[in-house]
Amino acid sequence: QLRLVESGGGTVEVGGSLTLSCTASGRAPATNWYRQTPGNERDFVAGIIGKSGTNYADSVKGRFSISRDDPTNTVYLQMNNLKPEDSATYYCKAVTSTGGLYKNYWGQGTNVTVSS
């Protein structure tokens, strides 16, 4: 069982920056960030596989950057030039694979508010 703890959320002004952290209790080859606003589905934001395989939602390309620190099992989401539409609860999801079986683990979420 993998446990994930997110941190780094808060309130920031338009154009500001925040860095979210997702620390896992063990190794997860793939970790993704999602975000969700009330009444809406959880949307993919960014993902990282292995050391440097990354992908991003079109809405955040050029502004967000995902990275990982393997010794601490932590994945970061650096968010720059934040916009009001980036306000959401951000969740990380870790994917593990054992014997060809994939399992997803979710964190509890961290809130981001971008004020104009």
N, C-alpha and C. Protein backbone atom coordinates (compact mmCIF):
# COMPACT_ATOMS: atom_id res chain seq x y z
N GLN A 1 0.84 -1.18 0.00
CA GLN A 1 0.00 0.00 0.00
C GLN A 1 0.89 1.25 0.00
N LEU A 2 0.64 2.13 -0.93
CA LEU A 2 1.43 3.34 -1.06
C LEU A 2 0.64 4.51 -0.49
N ARG A 3 1.28 5.32 0.31
CA ARG A 3 0.63 6.54 0.82
C ARG A 3 1.28 7.76 0.18
N LEU A 4 0.42 8.72 -0.16
CA LEU A 4 0.88 9.94 -0.80
C LEU A 4 0.48 11.14 0.04
N VAL A 5 1.37 12.08 0.19
CA VAL A 5 1.07 13.30 0.94
C VAL A 5 1.44 14.49 0.05
N GLU A 6 0.42 15.31 -0.23
CA GLU A 6 0.65 16.51 -1.04
C GLU A 6 0.81 17.71 -0.11
N SER A 7 1.56 18.68 -0.57
CA SER A 7 1.71 19.93 0.17
C SER A 7 2.08 21.04 -0.81
N GLY A 8 2.05 22.27 -0.31
CA GLY A 8 2.49 23.40 -1.11
C GLY A 8 1.38 24.27 -1.65
N GLY A 9 0.13 23.86 -1.45
CA GLY A 9 -0.97 24.68 -1.94
C GLY A 9 -1.09 25.97 -1.15
N GLY A 10 -1.92 26.87 -1.66
CA GLY A 10 -2.14 28.13 -0.97
C GLY A 10 -2.81 29.12 -1.88
N THR A 11 -2.77 30.38 -1.48
CA THR A 11 -3.36 31.46 -2.26
C THR A 11 -2.25 32.32 -2.82
N VAL A 12 -2.37 32.63 -4.11
CA VAL A 12 -1.36 33.43 -4.79
C VAL A 12 -2.06 34.36 -5.75
N GLU A 13 -1.43 35.47 -6.06
CA GLU A 13 -2.00 36.42 -7.00
C GLU A 13 -1.75 35.97 -8.43
N VAL A 14 -2.55 36.50 -9.32
CA VAL A 14 -2.37 36.22 -10.74
C VAL A 14 -0.94 36.54 -11.16
N GLY A 15 -0.35 35.62 -11.90
CA GLY A 15 1.03 35.78 -12.34
C GLY A 15 2.05 35.24 -11.38
N GLY A 16 1.61 34.81 -10.21
CA GLY A 16 2.52 34.29 -9.21
C GLY A 16 2.88 32.84 -9.44
N SER A 17 3.62 32.28 -8.50
CA SER A 17 4.12 30.91 -8.61
C SER A 17 3.88 30.13 -7.34
N LEU A 18 3.73 28.84 -7.49
CA LEU A 18 3.64 27.91 -6.38
C LEU A 18 4.33 26.63 -6.78
N THR A 19 4.86 25.92 -5.80
CA THR A 19 5.41 24.59 -6.04
C THR A 19 4.70 23.59 -5.16
N LEU A 20 4.07 22.63 -5.79
CA LEU A 20 3.40 21.56 -5.06
C LEU A 20 4.35 20.38 -4.93
N SER A 21 4.21 19.66 -3.81
CA SER A 21 5.02 18.46 -3.58
C SER A 21 4.11 17.28 -3.33
N CYS A 22 4.54 16.14 -3.79
CA CYS A 22 3.83 14.89 -3.55
C CYS A 22 4.88 13.88 -3.11
N THR A 23 4.83 13.50 -1.84
CA THR A 23 5.80 12.57 -1.28
C THR A 23 5.13 11.23 -1.05
N ALA A 24 5.73 10.21 -1.62
CA ALA A 24 5.18 8.85 -1.50
C ALA A 24 5.93 8.06 -0.43
N SER A 25 5.24 7.07 0.10
CA SER A 25 5.86 6.21 1.13
C SER A 25 6.77 5.16 0.51
N GLY A 26 6.77 5.08 -0.83
CA GLY A 26 7.63 4.15 -1.52
C GLY A 26 7.83 4.61 -2.95
N ARG A 27 8.50 3.78 -3.73
CA ARG A 27 8.80 4.15 -5.09
C ARG A 27 7.60 3.95 -6.00
N ALA A 28 7.38 4.92 -6.88
CA ALA A 28 6.32 4.82 -7.89
C ALA A 28 6.90 5.27 -9.21
N PRO A 29 7.00 4.40 -10.19
CA PRO A 29 7.62 4.76 -11.46
C PRO A 29 6.94 5.91 -12.18
N ALA A 30 5.62 6.00 -12.03
CA ALA A 30 4.88 7.05 -12.72
C ALA A 30 4.03 7.81 -11.71
N THR A 31 4.07 9.11 -11.82
CA THR A 31 3.25 9.95 -10.95
C THR A 31 2.63 11.06 -11.78
N ASN A 32 1.37 11.32 -11.54
CA ASN A 32 0.65 12.35 -12.28
C ASN A 32 0.02 13.34 -11.31
N TRP A 33 -0.16 14.53 -11.80
CA TRP A 33 -0.93 15.55 -11.08
C TRP A 33 -2.25 15.76 -11.82
N TYR A 34 -3.32 15.85 -11.04
CA TYR A 34 -4.64 16.17 -11.55
C TYR A 34 -5.17 17.35 -10.77
N ARG A 35 -6.22 17.97 -11.28
CA ARG A 35 -6.89 19.03 -10.54
C ARG A 35 -8.39 18.93 -10.74
N GLN A 36 -9.10 19.44 -9.75
CA GLN A 36 -10.55 19.33 -9.77
C GLN A 36 -11.18 20.55 -9.12
N THR A 37 -12.22 21.06 -9.76
CA THR A 37 -13.02 22.13 -9.18
C THR A 37 -14.39 21.57 -8.85
N PRO A 38 -15.11 22.21 -7.93
CA PRO A 38 -16.41 21.67 -7.50
C PRO A 38 -17.36 21.45 -8.67
N GLY A 39 -17.95 20.28 -8.70
CA GLY A 39 -18.92 19.95 -9.73
C GLY A 39 -18.33 19.48 -11.04
N ASN A 40 -17.01 19.41 -11.10
CA ASN A 40 -16.34 19.00 -12.34
C ASN A 40 -15.51 17.74 -12.13
N GLU A 41 -15.14 17.14 -13.25
CA GLU A 41 -14.31 15.95 -13.17
C GLU A 41 -12.86 16.33 -12.85
N ARG A 42 -12.13 15.32 -12.42
CA ARG A 42 -10.72 15.51 -12.14
C ARG A 42 -9.97 15.48 -13.48
N ASP A 43 -9.22 16.52 -13.75
CA ASP A 43 -8.53 16.65 -15.04
C ASP A 43 -7.04 16.44 -14.89
N PHE A 44 -6.46 15.80 -15.87
CA PHE A 44 -5.01 15.61 -15.91
C PHE A 44 -4.31 16.95 -16.08
N VAL A 45 -3.20 17.12 -15.35
CA VAL A 45 -2.40 18.34 -15.46
C VAL A 45 -1.02 18.03 -16.01
N ALA A 46 -0.32 17.10 -15.35
CA ALA A 46 1.04 16.78 -15.76
C ALA A 46 1.40 15.40 -15.25
N GLY A 47 2.34 14.75 -15.93
CA GLY A 47 2.78 13.43 -15.50
C GLY A 47 4.25 13.24 -15.75
N ILE A 48 4.86 12.35 -14.97
CA ILE A 48 6.26 12.03 -15.15
C ILE A 48 6.43 10.52 -15.01
N ILE A 49 7.21 9.97 -15.93
CA ILE A 49 7.50 8.53 -15.92
C ILE A 49 9.01 8.37 -15.92
N GLY A 50 9.51 7.57 -14.99
CA GLY A 50 10.94 7.40 -14.91
C GLY A 50 11.64 8.69 -14.55
N LYS A 51 12.82 8.87 -15.11
CA LYS A 51 13.62 10.04 -14.75
C LYS A 51 13.12 11.32 -15.41
N SER A 52 12.74 11.22 -16.67
CA SER A 52 12.49 12.47 -17.38
C SER A 52 11.38 12.41 -18.42
N GLY A 53 10.60 11.35 -18.44
CA GLY A 53 9.50 11.31 -19.38
C GLY A 53 8.33 12.11 -18.84
N THR A 54 8.05 13.26 -19.45
CA THR A 54 7.01 14.14 -18.94
C THR A 54 5.97 14.45 -20.01
N ASN A 55 4.78 14.76 -19.57
CA ASN A 55 3.76 15.28 -20.47
C ASN A 55 2.84 16.20 -19.69
N TYR A 56 2.20 17.10 -20.43
CA TYR A 56 1.42 18.17 -19.83
C TYR A 56 0.10 18.37 -20.56
N ALA A 57 -0.89 18.83 -19.82
CA ALA A 57 -2.11 19.30 -20.45
C ALA A 57 -1.79 20.57 -21.24
N ASP A 58 -2.49 20.76 -22.34
CA ASP A 58 -2.22 21.93 -23.17
C ASP A 58 -2.37 23.24 -22.39
N SER A 59 -3.29 23.24 -21.45
CA SER A 59 -3.59 24.47 -20.71
C SER A 59 -2.45 24.93 -19.81
N VAL A 60 -1.50 24.03 -19.52
CA VAL A 60 -0.42 24.39 -18.60
C VAL A 60 0.96 24.34 -19.25
N LYS A 61 1.02 23.91 -20.50
CA LYS A 61 2.32 23.83 -21.19
C LYS A 61 3.00 25.18 -21.21
N GLY A 62 4.29 25.16 -20.88
CA GLY A 62 5.06 26.40 -20.85
C GLY A 62 4.97 27.15 -19.53
N ARG A 63 4.03 26.76 -18.68
CA ARG A 63 3.89 27.43 -17.38
C ARG A 63 4.19 26.50 -16.21
N PHE A 64 3.85 25.23 -16.35
CA PHE A 64 4.06 24.25 -15.28
C PHE A 64 5.21 23.32 -15.65
N SER A 65 5.89 22.84 -14.63
CA SER A 65 6.98 21.90 -14.84
C SER A 65 6.94 20.83 -13.76
N ILE A 66 6.99 19.57 -14.17
CA ILE A 66 6.97 18.46 -13.23
C ILE A 66 8.37 17.85 -13.15
N SER A 67 8.76 17.47 -11.95
CA SER A 67 10.07 16.87 -11.76
C SER A 67 9.99 15.91 -10.58
N ARG A 68 11.05 15.11 -10.42
CA ARG A 68 11.04 14.15 -9.33
C ARG A 68 12.39 14.10 -8.64
N ASP A 69 12.35 13.74 -7.38
CA ASP A 69 13.56 13.50 -6.60
C ASP A 69 13.46 12.08 -6.06
N ASP A 70 14.15 11.16 -6.68
CA ASP A 70 13.99 9.75 -6.33
C ASP A 70 14.41 9.41 -4.90
N PRO A 71 15.50 9.97 -4.40
CA PRO A 71 15.88 9.60 -3.02
C PRO A 71 14.80 9.87 -1.98
N THR A 72 13.96 10.86 -2.22
CA THR A 72 12.92 11.19 -1.25
C THR A 72 11.53 10.76 -1.74
N ASN A 73 11.47 10.10 -2.91
CA ASN A 73 10.19 9.68 -3.48
C ASN A 73 9.22 10.86 -3.58
N THR A 74 9.73 11.98 -4.01
CA THR A 74 8.92 13.20 -4.10
C THR A 74 8.83 13.68 -5.55
N VAL A 75 7.64 14.03 -5.93
CA VAL A 75 7.40 14.63 -7.25
C VAL A 75 6.92 16.06 -7.03
N TYR A 76 7.48 16.97 -7.79
CA TYR A 76 7.15 18.38 -7.66
C TYR A 76 6.38 18.87 -8.88
N LEU A 77 5.52 19.84 -8.64
CA LEU A 77 4.86 20.53 -9.73
C LEU A 77 5.12 22.02 -9.53
N GLN A 78 6.01 22.54 -10.34
CA GLN A 78 6.32 23.97 -10.31
C GLN A 78 5.31 24.68 -11.20
N MET A 79 4.58 25.62 -10.62
CA MET A 79 3.53 26.31 -11.36
C MET A 79 3.88 27.80 -11.43
N ASN A 80 4.07 28.29 -12.63
CA ASN A 80 4.42 29.69 -12.86
C ASN A 80 3.32 30.40 -13.63
N ASN A 81 3.35 31.72 -13.57
CA ASN A 81 2.38 32.53 -14.31
C ASN A 81 0.96 32.03 -14.08
N LEU A 82 0.61 31.88 -12.85
CA LEU A 82 -0.69 31.30 -12.51
C LEU A 82 -1.84 32.21 -12.91
N LYS A 83 -2.92 31.57 -13.32
CA LYS A 83 -4.12 32.26 -13.77
C LYS A 83 -5.29 31.87 -12.87
N PRO A 84 -6.34 32.68 -12.84
CA PRO A 84 -7.50 32.33 -12.00
C PRO A 84 -8.06 30.95 -12.33
N GLU A 85 -8.01 30.57 -13.59
CA GLU A 85 -8.55 29.25 -13.98
C GLU A 85 -7.69 28.09 -13.50
N ASP A 86 -6.53 28.37 -12.92
CA ASP A 86 -5.72 27.32 -12.31
C ASP A 86 -6.18 26.99 -10.90
N SER A 87 -7.09 27.79 -10.36
CA SER A 87 -7.60 27.53 -9.01
C SER A 87 -8.32 26.19 -9.00
N ALA A 88 -7.96 25.34 -8.06
CA ALA A 88 -8.54 24.00 -7.99
C ALA A 88 -7.92 23.27 -6.80
N THR A 89 -8.45 22.09 -6.54
CA THR A 89 -7.77 21.17 -5.63
C THR A 89 -6.89 20.27 -6.49
N TYR A 90 -5.64 20.21 -6.14
CA TYR A 90 -4.66 19.44 -6.91
C TYR A 90 -4.38 18.12 -6.20
N TYR A 91 -4.42 17.05 -6.97
CA TYR A 91 -4.19 15.70 -6.45
C TYR A 91 -3.03 15.05 -7.20
N CYS A 92 -2.24 14.28 -6.49
CA CYS A 92 -1.25 13.48 -7.19
C CYS A 92 -1.72 12.02 -7.18
N LYS A 93 -1.36 11.36 -8.23
CA LYS A 93 -1.68 9.95 -8.39
C LYS A 93 -0.41 9.20 -8.75
N ALA A 94 -0.10 8.18 -7.98
CA ALA A 94 1.06 7.35 -8.25
C ALA A 94 0.59 6.02 -8.82
N VAL A 95 1.34 5.53 -9.78
CA VAL A 95 1.01 4.27 -10.44
C VAL A 95 2.14 3.28 -10.19
N THR A 96 1.78 2.14 -9.65
CA THR A 96 2.77 1.09 -9.45
C THR A 96 2.40 -0.11 -10.29
N SER A 97 3.40 -0.93 -10.57
CA SER A 97 3.18 -2.12 -11.37
C SER A 97 3.87 -3.29 -10.70
N THR A 98 3.09 -4.32 -10.45
CA THR A 98 3.63 -5.55 -9.86
C THR A 98 3.12 -6.73 -10.65
N GLY A 99 4.03 -7.45 -11.28
CA GLY A 99 3.61 -8.60 -12.05
C GLY A 99 2.64 -8.26 -13.16
N GLY A 100 2.80 -7.08 -13.75
CA GLY A 100 1.91 -6.68 -14.83
C GLY A 100 0.61 -6.07 -14.38
N LEU A 101 0.36 -6.04 -13.08
CA LEU A 101 -0.86 -5.44 -12.55
C LEU A 101 -0.56 -4.01 -12.11
N TYR A 102 -1.38 -3.08 -12.61
CA TYR A 102 -1.18 -1.68 -12.27
C TYR A 102 -2.14 -1.28 -11.15
N LYS A 103 -1.63 -0.49 -10.23
CA LYS A 103 -2.47 0.03 -9.16
C LYS A 103 -2.26 1.53 -9.06
N ASN A 104 -3.36 2.23 -8.80
CA ASN A 104 -3.32 3.68 -8.64
C ASN A 104 -3.51 4.05 -7.18
N TYR A 105 -2.75 5.02 -6.77
CA TYR A 105 -2.87 5.56 -5.41
C TYR A 105 -3.03 7.08 -5.50
N TRP A 106 -3.93 7.60 -4.69
CA TRP A 106 -4.21 9.03 -4.71
C TRP A 106 -3.85 9.67 -3.38
N GLY A 107 -3.42 10.93 -3.46
CA GLY A 107 -3.23 11.71 -2.27
C GLY A 107 -4.53 12.38 -1.85
N GLN A 108 -4.46 13.15 -0.78
CA GLN A 108 -5.66 13.77 -0.21
C GLN A 108 -6.00 15.10 -0.87
N GLY A 109 -5.09 15.65 -1.63
CA GLY A 109 -5.34 16.91 -2.34
C GLY A 109 -4.81 18.11 -1.58
N THR A 110 -4.47 19.13 -2.35
CA THR A 110 -4.04 20.40 -1.78
C THR A 110 -4.67 21.52 -2.60
N ASN A 111 -5.16 22.54 -1.93
CA ASN A 111 -5.93 23.58 -2.60
C ASN A 111 -5.03 24.70 -3.11
N VAL A 112 -5.34 25.14 -4.31
CA VAL A 112 -4.65 26.27 -4.92
C VAL A 112 -5.70 27.31 -5.30
N THR A 113 -5.50 28.53 -4.84
CA THR A 113 -6.40 29.62 -5.19
C THR A 113 -5.57 30.74 -5.81
N VAL A 114 -5.97 31.15 -7.00
CA VAL A 114 -5.28 32.24 -7.69
C VAL A 114 -6.23 33.43 -7.70
N SER A 115 -5.86 34.47 -7.03
CA SER A 115 -6.74 35.63 -6.87
C SER A 115 -6.36 36.72 -7.86
N SER A 116 -7.41 37.36 -8.39
CA SER A 116 -7.18 38.43 -9.37
C SER A 116 -7.36 39.81 -8.74
